[in-house]
Every structure is written in C-alpha cells, then in structure tokens.
Amino acid sequence: MNIKPLADRVVIKMLEAEETTKGGIILTSAAQEKPEVAEIVAVGPGGVVDGKEVKMEVKIGDKVLTSKYAGTQVKVDGVEYTILRQSDILAIVD
C-alpha cells in the first residue's frame, strides 16, 4: 500500500537513533530519546491551504528535523510513518 499525502502534508520515516554513545556506552531502547531526524518518503502537491498559496520546499529523500511530537503516527505494512504539515518541519539536514 502506498501513502499519498494531500495538500501541504508530507510523510516521513524516522531514522534509527544511535545505539552507542561517543564514549562507547551501549544504550537500551528505553534509554534512547525519540529521534528527531527523519527522511521524507512522500510529499503532497501543495496548493492553497487556509487561503494561502503553499509551495512545497521539501522533496522525497530529504532528511529533516521535526518537533518530537509533531504529526500523526501511522503503521502501513508493518512500517511506522508520521504524516505532518510542511510547516511542522523545523529544518532540512544536509
């Protein structure tokens, strides 16, 4: 099943958090913070949202920073994705 976001929404997949610290300490999954870096897997067409023209600034494959609890989590074919508005993306990571 494919997810096709509407309007100014994007679908992201969170990237795995580092399991080892710089000092070599291995972290359990409970000790890890929720990752904030994600990869964009689908982008909506943009258009007029709330009476304003929205141009999509991100594209598929971009790595982005998001707020910790932004968007809505969905599970498709056993994979977890987050759907959020482009305005909830804080930055693009190079």
C-alpha atoms as a PDB file:
ATOM      1  CA  MET A   1       0.000   0.000   0.000  1.00  0.00           C
ATOM      2  CA  ASN A   2       1.304   3.486  -0.861  1.00  0.00           C
ATOM      3  CA  ILE A   3       0.621   6.663   1.095  1.00  0.00           C
ATOM      4  CA  LYS A   4      -0.080   9.796  -0.942  1.00  0.00           C
ATOM      5  CA  PRO A   5      -0.316  12.906   1.253  1.00  0.00           C
ATOM      6  CA  LEU A   6      -2.751  15.687   0.407  1.00  0.00           C
ATOM      7  CA  ALA A   7      -2.234  19.482   0.325  1.00  0.00           C
ATOM      8  CA  ASP A   8       0.831  20.614   2.301  1.00  0.00           C
ATOM      9  CA  ARG A   9       1.386  17.345   4.140  1.00  0.00           C
ATOM     10  CA  VAL A  10       4.448  15.100   3.975  1.00  0.00           C
ATOM     11  CA  VAL A  11       5.077  11.506   5.035  1.00  0.00           C
ATOM     12  CA  ILE A  12       8.290  10.884   6.956  1.00  0.00           C
ATOM     13  CA  LYS A  13      10.051   7.837   8.325  1.00  0.00           C
ATOM     14  CA  MET A  14      12.065   8.380  11.485  1.00  0.00           C
ATOM     15  CA  LEU A  15      15.729   7.387  11.246  1.00  0.00           C
ATOM     16  CA  GLU A  16      17.139   4.995  13.823  1.00  0.00           C
ATOM     17  CA  ALA A  17      18.794   6.566  16.858  1.00  0.00           C
ATOM     18  CA  GLU A  18      22.424   5.831  17.628  1.00  0.00           C
ATOM     19  CA  GLU A  19      22.679   2.776  19.858  1.00  0.00           C
ATOM     20  CA  THR A  20      26.183   3.572  21.121  1.00  0.00           C
ATOM     21  CA  THR A  21      27.386   6.839  22.652  1.00  0.00           C
ATOM     22  CA  LYS A  22      30.630   8.520  21.595  1.00  0.00           C
ATOM     23  CA  GLY A  23      32.236   7.048  24.720  1.00  0.00           C
ATOM     24  CA  GLY A  24      31.248   3.520  23.655  1.00  0.00           C
ATOM     25  CA  ILE A  25      28.340   3.020  26.047  1.00  0.00           C
ATOM     26  CA  ILE A  26      25.560   0.920  24.520  1.00  0.00           C
ATOM     27  CA  LEU A  27      22.091   2.333  25.155  1.00  0.00           C
ATOM     28  CA  THR A  28      18.994   0.213  25.610  1.00  0.00           C
ATOM     29  CA  SER A  29      15.935   1.197  23.585  1.00  0.00           C
ATOM     30  CA  ALA A  30      14.298   2.579  26.747  1.00  0.00           C
ATOM     31  CA  ALA A  31      17.235   4.931  27.382  1.00  0.00           C
ATOM     32  CA  GLN A  32      17.275   6.342  23.860  1.00  0.00           C
ATOM     33  CA  GLU A  33      15.497   9.587  23.107  1.00  0.00           C
ATOM     34  CA  LYS A  34      12.958   9.660  20.325  1.00  0.00           C
ATOM     35  CA  PRO A  35      14.892  10.525  17.152  1.00  0.00           C
ATOM     36  CA  GLU A  36      14.138  13.891  15.645  1.00  0.00           C
ATOM     37  CA  VAL A  37      15.789  13.314  12.263  1.00  0.00           C
ATOM     38  CA  ALA A  38      13.581  11.753   9.618  1.00  0.00           C
ATOM     39  CA  GLU A  39      13.628  11.027   5.898  1.00  0.00           C
ATOM     40  CA  ILE A  40      10.818  12.235   3.660  1.00  0.00           C
ATOM     41  CA  VAL A  41       9.148   9.372   1.777  1.00  0.00           C
ATOM     42  CA  ALA A  42       6.206  11.231   0.176  1.00  0.00           C
ATOM     43  CA  VAL A  43       5.274  14.872  -0.460  1.00  0.00           C
ATOM     44  CA  GLY A  44       1.858  16.386  -1.102  1.00  0.00           C
ATOM     45  CA  PRO A  45       1.230  18.722  -4.052  1.00  0.00           C
ATOM     46  CA  GLY A  46       0.973  21.945  -2.018  1.00  0.00           C
ATOM     47  CA  GLY A  47      -1.605  24.403  -3.336  1.00  0.00           C
ATOM     48  CA  VAL A  48      -3.963  26.700  -1.463  1.00  0.00           C
ATOM     49  CA  VAL A  49      -4.188  25.895   2.252  1.00  0.00           C
ATOM     50  CA  ASP A  50      -6.264  28.089   4.568  1.00  0.00           C
ATOM     51  CA  GLY A  51      -6.500  30.735   1.825  1.00  0.00           C
ATOM     52  CA  LYS A  52      -2.730  30.960   1.304  1.00  0.00           C
ATOM     53  CA  GLU A  53      -0.612  29.558  -1.543  1.00  0.00           C
ATOM     54  CA  VAL A  54       1.766  26.885  -0.207  1.00  0.00           C
ATOM     55  CA  LYS A  55       4.831  25.902  -2.238  1.00  0.00           C
ATOM     56  CA  MET A  56       6.444  22.644  -1.180  1.00  0.00           C
ATOM     57  CA  GLU A  57      10.067  23.297  -0.155  1.00  0.00           C
ATOM     58  CA  VAL A  58      10.966  19.669   0.625  1.00  0.00           C
ATOM     59  CA  LYS A  59      11.312  16.665  -1.653  1.00  0.00           C
ATOM     60  CA  ILE A  60      11.452  12.898  -1.325  1.00  0.00           C
ATOM     61  CA  GLY A  61      14.751  11.763   0.157  1.00  0.00           C
ATOM     62  CA  ASP A  62      15.414  14.959   2.145  1.00  0.00           C
ATOM     63  CA  LYS A  63      16.479  14.452   5.751  1.00  0.00           C
ATOM     64  CA  VAL A  64      14.645  16.819   8.076  1.00  0.00           C
ATOM     65  CA  LEU A  65      14.412  17.835  11.722  1.00  0.00           C
ATOM     66  CA  THR A  66      10.977  17.770  13.316  1.00  0.00           C
ATOM     67  CA  SER A  67       9.483  18.532  16.688  1.00  0.00           C
ATOM     68  CA  LYS A  68       9.461  15.492  18.969  1.00  0.00           C
ATOM     69  CA  TYR A  69       5.693  15.068  18.957  1.00  0.00           C
ATOM     70  CA  ALA A  70       4.673  16.611  15.623  1.00  0.00           C
ATOM     71  CA  GLY A  71       2.280  14.878  13.261  1.00  0.00           C
ATOM     72  CA  THR A  72       0.240  11.708  13.340  1.00  0.00           C
ATOM     73  CA  GLN A  73       1.845   8.274  13.524  1.00  0.00           C
ATOM     74  CA  VAL A  74       0.500   5.575  11.203  1.00  0.00           C
ATOM     75  CA  LYS A  75       1.585   1.997  10.563  1.00  0.00           C
ATOM     76  CA  VAL A  76       1.455   0.678   6.988  1.00  0.00           C
ATOM     77  CA  ASP A  77       2.612  -2.848   6.106  1.00  0.00           C
ATOM     78  CA  GLY A  78       4.414  -3.079   9.457  1.00  0.00           C
ATOM     79  CA  VAL A  79       6.398   0.150   8.954  1.00  0.00           C
ATOM     80  CA  GLU A  80       5.762   3.234  11.114  1.00  0.00           C
ATOM     81  CA  TYR A  81       5.414   6.598   9.360  1.00  0.00           C
ATOM     82  CA  THR A  82       4.487  10.078  10.514  1.00  0.00           C
ATOM     83  CA  ILE A  83       2.221  12.380   8.499  1.00  0.00           C
ATOM     84  CA  LEU A  84       2.665  16.085   9.223  1.00  0.00           C
ATOM     85  CA  ARG A  85       2.312  19.501   7.631  1.00  0.00           C
ATOM     86  CA  GLN A  86       5.319  21.044   5.941  1.00  0.00           C
ATOM     87  CA  SER A  87       5.128  23.888   8.485  1.00  0.00           C
ATOM     88  CA  ASP A  88       5.858  21.348  11.276  1.00  0.00           C
ATOM     89  CA  ILE A  89       9.300  20.645   9.749  1.00  0.00           C
ATOM     90  CA  LEU A  90      11.963  22.690  11.534  1.00  0.00           C
ATOM     91  CA  ALA A  91      14.891  22.325   9.092  1.00  0.00           C
ATOM     92  CA  ILE A  92      16.419  20.332   6.252  1.00  0.00           C
ATOM     93  CA  VAL A  93      19.611  18.490   7.225  1.00  0.00           C
ATOM     94  CA  ASP A  94      22.471  18.466   4.689  1.00  0.00           C
END
